[in-house]
Amino acid sequence: MYETALHENDKLKSRLRDSKQELAKIRSQLDKVTQKQDRMSERSSALESDKREKQALEKRVSDMEEELKVSHTKCGKM
């Protein structure tokens, strides 16, 4: 009976060790995925910021072009 319990205990220890290794592997994979998502989120935010900045610059260029047209027209009338 003692031998059976000892053998069963060894089997359970082995299963526990395997489960711990699998858990560590899964945690590592989860960390990698989380880090990747964080980087993607940061990139997305940066792209959105760049897009807004580009739109603002385009508007500024458009406004300046309009001012030049108006100034050029005024100079031509003088």
Protein backbone atom coordinates (compact mmCIF):
# COMPACT_ATOMS: atom_id res chain seq x y z
CA MET A 1 0.00 0.00 0.00
CA TYR A 2 2.84 2.39 0.85
CA GLU A 3 4.48 1.66 -2.50
CA THR A 4 1.23 2.41 -4.33
CA ALA A 5 0.80 5.71 -2.52
CA LEU A 6 4.44 6.61 -3.18
CA HIS A 7 4.06 5.79 -6.87
CA GLU A 8 0.82 7.81 -7.07
CA ASN A 9 2.52 10.72 -5.29
CA ASP A 10 5.37 10.66 -7.82
CA LYS A 11 2.89 10.66 -10.71
CA LEU A 12 1.06 13.62 -9.19
CA LYS A 13 4.32 15.51 -8.66
CA SER A 14 5.23 14.91 -12.28
CA ARG A 15 1.84 16.14 -13.48
CA LEU A 16 2.16 19.21 -11.25
CA ARG A 17 5.63 19.94 -12.65
CA ASP A 18 4.30 19.58 -16.21
CA SER A 19 1.35 21.84 -15.42
CA LYS A 20 3.67 24.49 -13.96
CA GLN A 21 5.84 24.39 -17.07
CA GLU A 22 2.81 24.70 -19.32
CA LEU A 23 1.50 27.61 -17.23
CA ALA A 24 4.87 29.39 -17.52
CA LYS A 25 4.82 28.86 -21.29
CA ILE A 26 1.28 30.21 -21.59
CA ARG A 27 2.11 33.23 -19.42
CA SER A 28 5.11 33.96 -21.63
CA GLN A 29 2.92 33.77 -24.74
CA LEU A 30 0.34 36.04 -23.10
CA ASP A 31 3.03 38.58 -22.23
CA LYS A 32 4.26 38.58 -25.83
CA VAL A 33 0.75 39.10 -27.17
CA THR A 34 0.06 41.87 -24.65
CA GLN A 35 3.32 43.64 -25.55
CA LYS A 36 2.49 43.35 -29.24
CA GLN A 37 -0.96 44.82 -28.66
CA ASP A 38 0.57 47.67 -26.66
CA ARG A 39 2.99 48.44 -29.49
CA MET A 40 0.14 48.31 -32.01
CA SER A 41 -1.91 50.67 -29.85
CA GLU A 42 1.02 53.08 -29.55
CA ARG A 43 1.54 52.98 -33.31
CA SER A 44 -2.14 53.56 -33.90
CA SER A 45 -2.08 56.60 -31.60
CA ALA A 46 1.03 57.93 -33.33
CA LEU A 47 -0.55 57.43 -36.75
CA GLU A 48 -3.70 59.23 -35.63
CA SER A 49 -1.62 62.10 -34.29
CA ASP A 50 0.36 62.27 -37.53
CA LYS A 51 -2.88 62.29 -39.50
CA ARG A 52 -4.25 65.22 -37.50
CA GLU A 53 -0.97 67.10 -37.86
CA LYS A 54 -0.97 66.50 -41.62
CA GLN A 55 -4.53 67.78 -41.90
CA ALA A 56 -3.65 70.90 -39.92
CA LEU A 57 -0.64 71.55 -42.14
CA GLU A 58 -2.69 71.01 -45.28
CA LYS A 59 -5.25 73.51 -44.03
CA ARG A 60 -2.51 76.00 -43.23
CA VAL A 61 -1.02 75.62 -46.72
CA SER A 62 -4.45 76.05 -48.25
CA ASP A 63 -5.05 79.21 -46.20
CA MET A 64 -1.66 80.62 -47.18
CA GLU A 65 -2.32 79.88 -50.86
CA GLU A 66 -5.63 81.70 -50.57
CA GLU A 67 -3.90 84.69 -48.94
CA LEU A 68 -1.37 84.75 -51.78
CA LYS A 69 -4.15 84.76 -54.35
CA VAL A 70 -5.89 87.61 -52.57
CA SER A 71 -2.62 89.57 -52.23
CA HIS A 72 -1.74 88.93 -55.86
CA THR A 73 -5.17 90.09 -56.96
CA LYS A 74 -4.88 93.28 -54.89
CA CYS A 75 -1.42 94.00 -56.34
CA GLY A 76 -2.75 93.53 -59.86
CA LYS A 77 -5.54 96.07 -59.31
CA MET A 78 -3.14 98.80 -58.18
